[in-house]
């Protein structure tokens, strides 16, 4: 397949530090901009530039959510994905299919356009969802090396636009990706007892934004106590990411 040349990093981008508070609101727009949080993580396509501008006026930083490892049939650019990169259905998520992340040559124009839109709307960073892909039933013979190469390419593209970018879950990739990711976002990491694997981010001066879910019977007070000891930013959310949020006491 053709080689894909990465672009040159911009002069600078947002470098968040541990201890920031956060809100994660991806479903049922509009975003409730009254929530007290240093950082908002919201959907790229569902939010107008005015939402990001309002949050900036309030002194917030704003992360744009996109899926980089799955195709979603409701997105405005869904028809741009070549059929050959679409894999098996993403079990449990209607309308989604896994992507062949080996084919950066085919995915590059689509992901670059998304990053361009993220930049144009004024976002400060990117949450690249479904980056933890190689060990899923995608329909493609993906390897860890494929996942890591794609992650590195995505980070280069984000930084070229002056955007921060984070690691989403994927604890086994922490060591190899710490140098090029600016923060981490986790789901259920305390409940499943792998949150400690994210601590290299904290030690490197990069935040870990940790979400636990209400449907998992997690001991959220214990998560909060652990988070205070290690400077990890915990919230609790419903599985559908609306404005609802529980913060640590």
Protein backbone atom coordinates (compact mmCIF):
# COMPACT_ATOMS: atom_id res chain seq x y z
CA UNK A 1 0.00 0.00 0.00
CA UNK A 2 1.23 3.57 -0.56
CA UNK A 3 3.21 5.23 2.19
CA UNK A 4 1.51 8.04 4.06
CA UNK A 5 3.77 10.94 4.95
CA UNK A 6 3.03 12.57 8.30
CA UNK A 7 2.87 16.32 8.52
CA UNK A 8 5.18 18.54 10.56
CA UNK A 9 4.13 19.32 14.14
CA UNK A 10 2.84 22.82 14.83
CA UNK A 11 4.82 25.16 17.05
CA UNK A 12 2.74 24.31 20.08
CA UNK A 13 -0.49 22.86 21.39
CA UNK A 14 -2.36 22.54 24.67
CA UNK A 15 -0.35 20.59 27.24
CA UNK A 16 -2.79 19.75 30.06
CA UNK A 17 -1.54 18.92 33.53
CA UNK A 18 -2.85 16.39 36.06
CA UNK A 19 -5.62 17.42 38.43
CA UNK A 20 -8.00 19.11 35.99
CA UNK A 21 -11.72 18.50 36.44
CA UNK A 22 -13.71 17.30 33.45
CA UNK A 23 -17.09 16.72 31.89
CA UNK A 24 -17.91 14.17 29.18
CA UNK A 25 -21.10 14.91 27.23
CA UNK A 26 -21.54 13.07 23.92
CA UNK A 27 -25.25 12.20 23.78
CA UNK A 28 -28.51 14.16 23.79
CA UNK A 29 -27.28 17.58 22.74
CA UNK A 30 -27.19 20.48 23.32
CA UNK A 31 -24.26 20.41 25.71
CA UNK A 32 -25.01 21.82 29.14
CA UNK A 33 -22.33 24.50 29.36
CA UNK A 34 -23.18 25.35 32.96
CA UNK A 35 -21.39 22.30 34.39
CA UNK A 36 -18.34 23.31 36.44
CA UNK A 37 -15.35 21.64 34.82
CA UNK A 38 -11.94 22.69 33.56
CA UNK A 39 -12.23 20.45 30.49
CA UNK A 40 -15.21 19.43 28.35
CA UNK A 41 -15.10 16.42 26.04
CA UNK A 42 -17.89 16.76 23.44
CA UNK A 43 -18.78 15.39 20.01
CA UNK A 44 -17.12 16.92 16.95
CA UNK A 45 -20.12 16.79 14.64
CA UNK A 46 -22.97 17.50 17.06
CA UNK A 47 -21.66 20.85 18.31
CA UNK A 48 -21.45 24.19 16.57
CA UNK A 49 -18.50 26.54 16.84
CA UNK A 50 -20.57 28.75 19.15
CA UNK A 51 -20.57 26.01 21.84
CA UNK A 52 -16.79 25.83 21.85
CA UNK A 53 -16.55 29.62 21.89
CA UNK A 54 -18.93 29.81 24.87
CA UNK A 55 -16.88 27.27 26.80
CA UNK A 56 -13.68 29.14 25.99
CA UNK A 57 -15.26 32.34 27.25
CA UNK A 58 -15.82 30.52 30.54
CA UNK A 59 -12.15 29.52 30.64
CA UNK A 60 -12.72 25.87 29.69
CA UNK A 61 -10.64 23.72 27.37
CA UNK A 62 -12.60 21.60 24.91
CA UNK A 63 -11.80 18.15 23.48
CA UNK A 64 -13.49 16.90 20.30
CA UNK A 65 -14.65 13.31 20.30
CA UNK A 66 -14.28 11.26 17.12
CA UNK A 67 -14.16 7.53 16.51
CA UNK A 68 -10.95 6.61 14.71
CA UNK A 69 -11.36 2.84 14.85
CA UNK A 70 -14.98 2.40 13.85
CA UNK A 71 -17.30 3.51 11.06
CA UNK A 72 -20.58 5.06 12.23
CA UNK A 73 -23.40 5.07 9.69
CA UNK A 74 -25.00 8.27 11.01
CA UNK A 75 -21.98 10.54 10.53
CA UNK A 76 -22.07 13.11 7.73
CA UNK A 77 -18.90 11.66 6.18
CA UNK A 78 -19.98 8.01 6.41
CA UNK A 79 -20.23 7.65 2.61
CA UNK A 80 -16.58 8.61 2.20
CA UNK A 81 -15.26 5.41 3.77
CA UNK A 82 -14.22 2.83 1.13
CA UNK A 83 -15.99 -0.51 1.56
CA UNK A 84 -12.66 -2.31 1.81
CA UNK A 85 -11.88 -0.66 5.16
CA UNK A 86 -15.21 -1.68 6.74
CA UNK A 87 -15.02 -4.80 8.87
CA UNK A 88 -17.35 -6.70 11.15
CA UNK A 89 -20.17 -5.10 13.09
CA UNK A 90 -19.12 -3.52 16.36
CA UNK A 91 -21.06 -5.76 18.75
CA UNK A 92 -23.37 -3.85 21.06
CA UNK A 93 -23.29 -0.62 19.04
CA UNK A 94 -25.86 -0.49 16.23
CA UNK A 95 -24.71 1.14 13.01
CA UNK A 96 -20.98 0.73 13.71
CA UNK A 97 -18.36 -1.40 12.01
CA UNK A 98 -14.69 -1.84 12.79
CA UNK A 99 -12.12 -0.20 10.51
CA UNK A 100 -9.01 -1.66 8.93
CA UNK A 101 -6.50 0.69 10.56
CA UNK A 102 -3.68 -0.80 8.50
CA UNK A 103 -5.05 1.20 5.56
CA UNK A 104 -3.91 4.62 6.68
CA UNK A 105 -3.58 5.48 3.00
CA UNK A 106 -7.37 5.16 2.64
CA UNK A 107 -8.34 6.52 6.04
CA UNK A 108 -5.99 9.51 5.94
CA UNK A 109 -8.17 11.87 3.84
CA UNK A 110 -11.19 11.22 6.07
CA UNK A 111 -9.38 11.54 9.40
CA UNK A 112 -7.46 14.60 8.24
CA UNK A 113 -10.73 16.26 7.26
CA UNK A 114 -12.12 15.48 10.71
CA UNK A 115 -9.06 16.95 12.40
CA UNK A 116 -9.33 20.00 10.15
CA UNK A 117 -12.94 20.45 11.27
CA UNK A 118 -11.92 20.01 14.88
CA UNK A 119 -9.34 22.78 14.44
CA UNK A 120 -11.72 25.04 12.52
CA UNK A 121 -14.35 24.82 15.26
CA UNK A 122 -11.78 25.89 17.83
CA UNK A 123 -11.31 22.68 19.80
CA UNK A 124 -8.16 22.30 21.89
CA UNK A 125 -7.71 18.54 21.67
CA UNK A 126 -8.95 15.22 20.31
CA UNK A 127 -10.35 12.09 21.91
CA UNK A 128 -9.64 9.31 19.39
CA UNK A 129 -12.12 6.62 20.37
CA UNK A 130 -11.79 2.93 19.53
CA UNK A 131 -8.04 3.21 19.17
CA UNK A 132 -7.78 -0.01 21.19
CA UNK A 133 -8.65 -2.28 18.30
CA UNK A 134 -6.21 -5.06 17.40
CA UNK A 135 -7.56 -7.60 19.89
CA UNK A 136 -11.20 -7.12 18.88
CA UNK A 137 -13.13 -9.24 16.39
CA UNK A 138 -12.71 -6.73 13.58
CA UNK A 139 -12.62 -9.06 10.60
CA UNK A 140 -9.04 -8.01 9.84
CA UNK A 141 -5.75 -9.62 10.97
CA UNK A 142 -4.70 -6.53 12.91
CA UNK A 143 -1.64 -6.58 15.15
CA UNK A 144 -0.47 -4.47 18.05
CA UNK A 145 2.11 -2.95 15.68
CA UNK A 146 -0.74 -1.85 13.37
CA UNK A 147 -2.54 -0.21 16.29
CA UNK A 148 0.59 1.58 17.47
CA UNK A 149 1.50 2.83 14.00
CA UNK A 150 -2.01 4.22 13.53
CA UNK A 151 -1.90 5.88 16.95
CA UNK A 152 1.43 7.52 16.14
CA UNK A 153 0.08 8.76 12.82
CA UNK A 154 -3.03 10.20 14.46
CA UNK A 155 -0.92 11.99 17.07
CA UNK A 156 1.28 13.49 14.38
CA UNK A 157 -1.77 14.74 12.49
CA UNK A 158 -3.31 16.28 15.61
CA UNK A 159 -0.09 17.99 16.63
CA UNK A 160 0.40 19.34 13.11
CA UNK A 161 -2.85 21.23 13.63
CA UNK A 162 -1.95 22.49 17.10
CA UNK A 163 -4.29 20.00 18.77
CA UNK A 164 -3.57 17.89 21.82
CA UNK A 165 -4.54 14.24 21.58
CA UNK A 166 -5.12 11.54 24.18
CA UNK A 167 -4.84 7.81 24.62
CA UNK A 168 -8.28 6.21 25.00
CA UNK A 169 -8.12 3.13 27.25
CA UNK A 170 -5.48 0.74 25.74
CA UNK A 171 -3.38 0.29 28.90
CA UNK A 172 -1.02 -2.06 27.08
CA UNK A 173 -0.02 0.86 24.82
CA UNK A 174 0.91 3.29 27.62
CA UNK A 175 4.65 2.74 27.53
CA UNK A 176 4.94 2.92 23.74
CA UNK A 177 2.64 5.93 23.31
CA UNK A 178 3.45 8.09 26.33
CA UNK A 179 5.85 10.22 24.34
CA UNK A 180 3.25 11.30 21.77
CA UNK A 181 -0.05 11.38 23.68
CA UNK A 182 -0.85 14.42 25.83
CA UNK A 183 -3.43 12.90 28.19
CA UNK A 184 -5.36 9.69 28.75
CA UNK A 185 -9.08 8.88 29.03
CA UNK A 186 -10.24 5.68 30.67
CA UNK A 187 -13.51 3.82 31.15
CA UNK A 188 -14.14 1.44 34.06
CA UNK A 189 -10.40 1.31 34.79
CA UNK A 190 -10.87 1.40 38.55
CA UNK A 191 -13.67 -1.17 38.46
CA UNK A 192 -11.58 -3.57 36.36
CA UNK A 193 -8.43 -2.80 38.37
CA UNK A 194 -6.15 -1.48 35.63
CA UNK A 195 -6.17 2.22 36.48
CA UNK A 196 -2.69 1.93 38.00
CA UNK A 197 -1.33 1.09 34.57
CA UNK A 198 -2.11 4.68 33.51
CA UNK A 199 0.09 6.26 36.19
CA UNK A 200 3.05 6.81 33.83
CA UNK A 201 0.94 9.64 32.36
CA UNK A 202 0.67 11.28 35.79
CA UNK A 203 4.39 10.77 36.39
CA UNK A 204 5.08 12.47 33.04
CA UNK A 205 2.94 15.47 34.04
CA UNK A 206 0.01 14.46 31.82
CA UNK A 207 -3.57 14.07 33.12
CA UNK A 208 -5.67 10.93 33.33
CA UNK A 209 -9.39 11.63 32.89
CA UNK A 210 -11.12 8.57 34.36
CA UNK A 211 -14.81 7.70 33.99
CA UNK A 212 -16.58 4.99 35.96
CA UNK A 213 -20.12 3.92 35.03
CA UNK A 214 -23.27 3.72 37.12
CA UNK A 215 -24.20 0.29 35.71
CA UNK A 216 -21.07 -1.43 37.09
CA UNK A 217 -21.71 -1.25 40.86
CA UNK A 218 -18.33 0.43 41.29
CA UNK A 219 -17.19 1.68 44.71
CA UNK A 220 -16.96 5.25 43.54
CA UNK A 221 -15.85 6.60 46.92
CA UNK A 222 -12.91 4.21 46.81
CA UNK A 223 -12.14 5.36 43.26
CA UNK A 224 -12.20 8.97 44.43
CA UNK A 225 -9.90 8.22 47.35
CA UNK A 226 -7.47 6.48 45.01
CA UNK A 227 -7.75 9.35 42.55
CA UNK A 228 -6.93 11.94 45.21
CA UNK A 229 -3.83 9.97 46.21
CA UNK A 230 -2.60 9.70 42.62
CA UNK A 231 -3.97 12.94 41.07
CA UNK A 232 -6.30 11.09 38.69
CA UNK A 233 -9.50 12.92 37.73
CA UNK A 234 -12.51 10.64 38.37
CA UNK A 235 -16.13 11.18 37.42
CA UNK A 236 -19.07 8.77 37.28
CA UNK A 237 -21.39 8.74 34.29
CA UNK A 238 -24.37 6.86 32.92
CA UNK A 239 -23.40 4.56 30.04
CA UNK A 240 -25.13 6.99 27.67
CA UNK A 241 -23.01 10.10 28.05
CA UNK A 242 -25.50 12.88 28.70
CA UNK A 243 -24.95 15.90 30.98
CA UNK A 244 -25.44 13.71 34.07
CA UNK A 245 -22.22 13.52 36.09
CA UNK A 246 -21.23 12.55 39.62
CA UNK A 247 -18.04 14.14 40.93
CA UNK A 248 -15.88 13.09 43.83
CA UNK A 249 -16.96 14.43 47.23
